[in-house]
Amino acid sequence: MALGLVVSGAFLAGCGQGRTTPAEARAQADGNARAAMTEAADGSGQAVDCSKAKCIALTFDAGPGPHTPRLLDILKEKRVHATFFLLGKNHVVPYPDLVRREAAEGHEIGNHTWSHERLDQISDDRIRDELGRTQDAIKNITGKAPTLMRPPQGGTNDKVHAVATSLGLSEVLWNATASDYATTDTKLIGDRILQQATRDGIILLHDIYDGTVPAVPRIIDELRSRGYTFVTVPQLLSPARPQPGTVYHP
């Protein structure tokens, strides 16, 4: 299944929500939130302040799938926590043990809809069905409903914001992607991410394609050598908490 993407400049066209960057989210956090910092995603047990550290979030869409166990092994070995945006019908339902493992190993679980429909091109009721069914499926497996969602192909608008708000979901976009749905060239996938990586960035990859998971060790090692700290999306926003209906986009 090829999951195409739109270019970053087109994500929010025609909708009034705009975007909030991770830095803006942190700056807007209230004093109480600032009193509680999150743990670093590298497993060190040290608090991380992304207003000072060079943070980046590694995210994976459209799984889990047959390559996910190897990815989880790599992340565990590298002591990195990622954010997984899961597809309901063909991935969450057939792979409940992998969903459970992702949550148990400290990764953030997000919603990537039930069947990968472009949410900005369907009715309110269908948007609610796409998101709501996946919320329920993930909660039934992990005991916790997601608070984050990623709209397929980045397609969002005011209708999507309204439904997401009602379901307690914030929207997470990205600024670095490898178009890994269109190539099995592991080196090329790594090169593209390394060229696009930025502080406060959000990397988008897919753990369902053959070339992607083998690229992950190099991506982690090279970015760490550049001084990056890997965090989950909530950690990137901390001490702010993700707000339902808000679009987070580096």
Foldseek 3Di string as FASTA:
>chain_A
DFFDADDPVPLEPPADQDAAALVNLAVPDDPVLQVDFDAFQLPPRDGDDLVPAQAEAEEAEAADDPLLVVLVVLCVVRSGAHEYAYAAAPHCVVCLVSLQVNVVVPHAYHHAFHHQDQLLPDDLVVLLNRRVVRQVSSCVRHVHGHQEHEGRSSHDHPSNLVSQQVVNHEYEDFFFEQSLSVDLALVSRLVRRVVGDGGSGYYYHHSPHNNHSVNVVVNVVVVVVVRYGYDYPQNSNPSGGGGRSHYYYD
